[in-house]
């Protein structure tokens, strides 16, 4: 693989913004993200600076990982949010146990399915950080019509829980989990 997987730094807010906006321009963004391109593009620089600082190296509540390719171009990203038991998640449910939650999965189209393993490497980096942080379980949600993403998540070791939450237009987002290998 020709990419380096690493945590973002707080001073890289402009790259965080650029990659997020690229993700939101993707034709299937409406299946994967809870915000629109227009809303994200209208956010001030201070929002992006705070977002990068809150998910950079040294933070314990969340961490964003990027796949840095040739020329320093960010070709993909995933973030891990640490959810604490008793808190409400962004779907309004109560978190039952301390766990990780993978969000913001995005790989530029030219690196998807290329055999380079960018998405898998991002997931490996995110899960390694989650396990090192003491989390025993990591979850994610996938839109019921996003079969390509679902197939990847299953291949990466995530399993459906049977839990779903309302999505857009009466559709559902399905929960998948993976348990730390030494706990399973």
Protein backbone atom coordinates (compact mmCIF):
# COMPACT_ATOMS: atom_id res chain seq x y z
CA UNK A 1 0.00 0.00 0.00
CA UNK A 2 1.25 3.47 -0.87
CA UNK A 3 -0.49 5.26 1.99
CA UNK A 4 0.45 6.19 5.52
CA UNK A 5 -2.37 5.83 8.06
CA UNK A 6 -2.12 8.32 10.89
CA UNK A 7 -4.06 10.54 13.27
CA UNK A 8 -4.75 14.06 12.19
CA UNK A 9 -3.02 17.01 13.85
CA UNK A 10 -4.96 19.98 15.19
CA UNK A 11 -3.32 22.37 12.71
CA UNK A 12 -4.63 20.35 9.74
CA UNK A 13 -8.15 21.79 9.87
CA UNK A 14 -8.06 22.95 6.24
CA UNK A 15 -7.36 19.38 5.07
CA UNK A 16 -10.10 18.08 7.38
CA UNK A 17 -12.51 20.53 5.75
CA UNK A 18 -11.44 19.69 2.19
CA UNK A 19 -11.80 15.94 2.67
CA UNK A 20 -15.17 16.27 4.40
CA UNK A 21 -16.50 18.46 1.61
CA UNK A 22 -15.24 15.94 -0.96
CA UNK A 23 -17.06 13.20 0.95
CA UNK A 24 -20.28 15.21 0.99
CA UNK A 25 -20.09 15.72 -2.80
CA UNK A 26 -19.99 11.95 -3.32
CA UNK A 27 -23.09 10.62 -5.14
CA UNK A 28 -23.94 8.31 -2.20
CA UNK A 29 -23.24 10.86 0.55
CA UNK A 30 -26.93 10.99 1.43
CA UNK A 31 -26.69 7.31 2.45
CA UNK A 32 -23.62 7.77 4.62
CA UNK A 33 -23.58 11.22 6.22
CA UNK A 34 -25.95 13.15 8.44
CA UNK A 35 -25.13 16.56 6.97
CA UNK A 36 -25.25 18.11 3.53
CA UNK A 37 -22.47 19.64 1.49
CA UNK A 38 -24.21 23.03 1.64
CA UNK A 39 -24.39 23.01 5.45
CA UNK A 40 -20.76 21.93 5.85
CA UNK A 41 -19.45 24.39 3.24
CA UNK A 42 -21.18 27.26 5.06
CA UNK A 43 -19.43 26.53 8.37
CA UNK A 44 -16.79 29.07 9.45
CA UNK A 45 -13.10 28.25 9.75
CA UNK A 46 -13.45 28.24 13.55
CA UNK A 47 -15.76 25.22 13.30
CA UNK A 48 -13.18 23.27 11.31
CA UNK A 49 -10.37 24.33 13.63
CA UNK A 50 -12.34 23.09 16.64
CA UNK A 51 -13.28 19.89 14.85
CA UNK A 52 -9.65 19.11 14.01
CA UNK A 53 -8.45 19.94 17.51
CA UNK A 54 -11.10 17.69 19.03
CA UNK A 55 -10.14 14.64 16.96
CA UNK A 56 -6.37 15.00 16.74
CA UNK A 57 -3.43 13.22 18.30
CA UNK A 58 -3.60 13.27 22.08
CA UNK A 59 -7.38 13.39 22.43
CA UNK A 60 -9.08 10.57 24.30
CA UNK A 61 -12.74 11.18 23.36
CA UNK A 62 -12.35 10.84 19.59
CA UNK A 63 -9.71 10.33 16.96
CA UNK A 64 -9.74 10.92 13.22
CA UNK A 65 -7.46 8.83 11.01
CA UNK A 66 -6.43 9.67 7.47
CA UNK A 67 -4.81 7.78 4.62
CA UNK A 68 -2.07 10.04 3.28
CA UNK A 69 -1.05 9.20 -0.26
CA UNK A 70 1.52 10.44 -2.71
CA UNK A 71 2.26 14.12 -2.47
CA UNK A 72 0.63 14.31 0.95
CA UNK A 73 -2.90 14.05 -0.46
CA UNK A 74 -5.50 12.76 1.99
CA UNK A 75 -7.27 9.92 0.18
CA UNK A 76 -9.53 8.71 2.97
CA UNK A 77 -10.62 9.12 6.54
CA UNK A 78 -12.48 7.49 9.41
CA UNK A 79 -13.15 8.75 12.93
CA UNK A 80 -13.68 6.88 16.19
CA UNK A 81 -15.94 8.45 18.79
CA UNK A 82 -15.76 7.11 22.34
CA UNK A 83 -19.29 6.67 23.69
CA UNK A 84 -19.71 6.45 27.44
CA UNK A 85 -22.38 4.31 29.10
CA UNK A 86 -25.47 6.33 29.96
CA UNK A 87 -24.86 9.08 27.40
CA UNK A 88 -27.24 9.75 24.53
CA UNK A 89 -25.91 9.01 21.07
CA UNK A 90 -26.73 11.20 18.06
CA UNK A 91 -29.72 8.98 17.25
CA UNK A 92 -31.20 9.77 20.67
CA UNK A 93 -30.62 6.32 22.14
CA UNK A 94 -28.92 5.67 25.45
CA UNK A 95 -25.48 4.09 25.16
CA UNK A 96 -25.49 0.86 27.16
CA UNK A 97 -21.72 0.38 27.52
CA UNK A 98 -18.50 2.24 26.94
CA UNK A 99 -17.66 1.63 23.30
CA UNK A 100 -16.28 3.09 20.11
CA UNK A 101 -18.38 4.34 17.24
CA UNK A 102 -16.88 4.58 13.74
CA UNK A 103 -18.18 7.53 11.74
CA UNK A 104 -17.24 9.60 8.72
CA UNK A 105 -15.94 6.71 6.65
CA UNK A 106 -14.79 8.03 3.30
CA UNK A 107 -12.28 6.98 0.65
CA UNK A 108 -11.88 8.91 -2.58
CA UNK A 109 -13.50 7.03 -5.49
CA UNK A 110 -10.22 6.36 -7.30
CA UNK A 111 -8.99 4.36 -4.28
CA UNK A 112 -12.12 2.27 -3.69
CA UNK A 113 -11.90 -1.36 -4.68
CA UNK A 114 -8.46 -0.75 -6.17
CA UNK A 115 -6.85 -3.58 -4.26
CA UNK A 116 -4.64 -1.05 -2.46
CA UNK A 117 -6.51 -1.67 0.79
CA UNK A 118 -6.96 1.97 1.79
CA UNK A 119 -10.30 1.43 3.52
CA UNK A 120 -9.07 -1.68 5.32
CA UNK A 121 -5.91 0.11 6.47
CA UNK A 122 -8.00 3.00 7.82
CA UNK A 123 -10.20 0.55 9.73
CA UNK A 124 -7.16 -1.30 11.08
CA UNK A 125 -5.71 1.97 12.38
CA UNK A 126 -8.99 3.05 13.93
CA UNK A 127 -9.59 -0.31 15.60
CA UNK A 128 -6.02 -0.50 16.88
CA UNK A 129 -6.51 2.87 18.59
CA UNK A 130 -9.88 1.76 19.99
CA UNK A 131 -8.43 -1.45 21.43
CA UNK A 132 -5.40 0.41 22.87
CA UNK A 133 -7.84 2.88 24.46
CA UNK A 134 -9.44 0.03 26.38
CA UNK A 135 -12.60 -0.24 24.32
CA UNK A 136 -13.94 -3.76 23.99
CA UNK A 137 -16.58 -3.07 21.35
CA UNK A 138 -16.85 -0.77 18.32
CA UNK A 139 -20.00 -0.13 16.36
CA UNK A 140 -21.04 1.62 13.20
CA UNK A 141 -24.25 2.20 11.30
CA UNK A 142 -24.83 1.59 7.61
CA UNK A 143 -27.80 2.61 5.49
CA UNK A 144 -29.87 -0.42 4.54
CA UNK A 145 -29.39 0.36 0.84
CA UNK A 146 -25.63 0.84 1.03
CA UNK A 147 -24.80 -2.77 0.15
CA UNK A 148 -21.24 -2.02 -0.94
CA UNK A 149 -20.37 -0.53 2.46
CA UNK A 150 -22.19 -3.32 4.26
CA UNK A 151 -20.21 -5.95 2.37
CA UNK A 152 -16.95 -4.25 3.32
CA UNK A 153 -17.95 -3.99 7.01
CA UNK A 154 -18.79 -7.69 7.11
CA UNK A 155 -15.47 -8.55 5.45
CA UNK A 156 -13.70 -6.39 8.06
CA UNK A 157 -15.27 -8.49 10.84
CA UNK A 158 -18.29 -6.39 11.79
CA UNK A 159 -21.51 -8.29 12.42
CA UNK A 160 -25.12 -7.06 12.38
CA UNK A 161 -26.78 -6.73 15.77
CA UNK A 162 -30.38 -6.55 14.57
CA UNK A 163 -30.63 -2.99 15.90
CA UNK A 164 -31.71 -0.31 13.46
CA UNK A 165 -32.51 3.38 13.66
CA UNK A 166 -34.69 5.54 11.41
CA UNK A 167 -32.94 7.00 8.38
CA UNK A 168 -34.20 9.27 5.63
CA UNK A 169 -37.58 8.77 3.96
CA UNK A 170 -38.63 5.87 6.18
CA UNK A 171 -35.49 3.86 5.48
CA UNK A 172 -33.25 2.37 8.18
CA UNK A 173 -29.63 2.49 9.29
CA UNK A 174 -28.39 -0.87 10.56
CA UNK A 175 -26.00 -1.31 13.48
CA UNK A 176 -22.91 -3.50 13.05
CA UNK A 177 -20.37 -4.30 15.78
CA UNK A 178 -16.97 -5.82 16.21
CA UNK A 179 -15.63 -7.03 19.54
CA UNK A 180 -11.96 -6.85 20.53
CA UNK A 181 -10.45 -10.26 19.68
CA UNK A 182 -9.31 -11.06 23.21
CA UNK A 183 -12.81 -10.38 24.57
CA UNK A 184 -14.88 -12.38 22.08
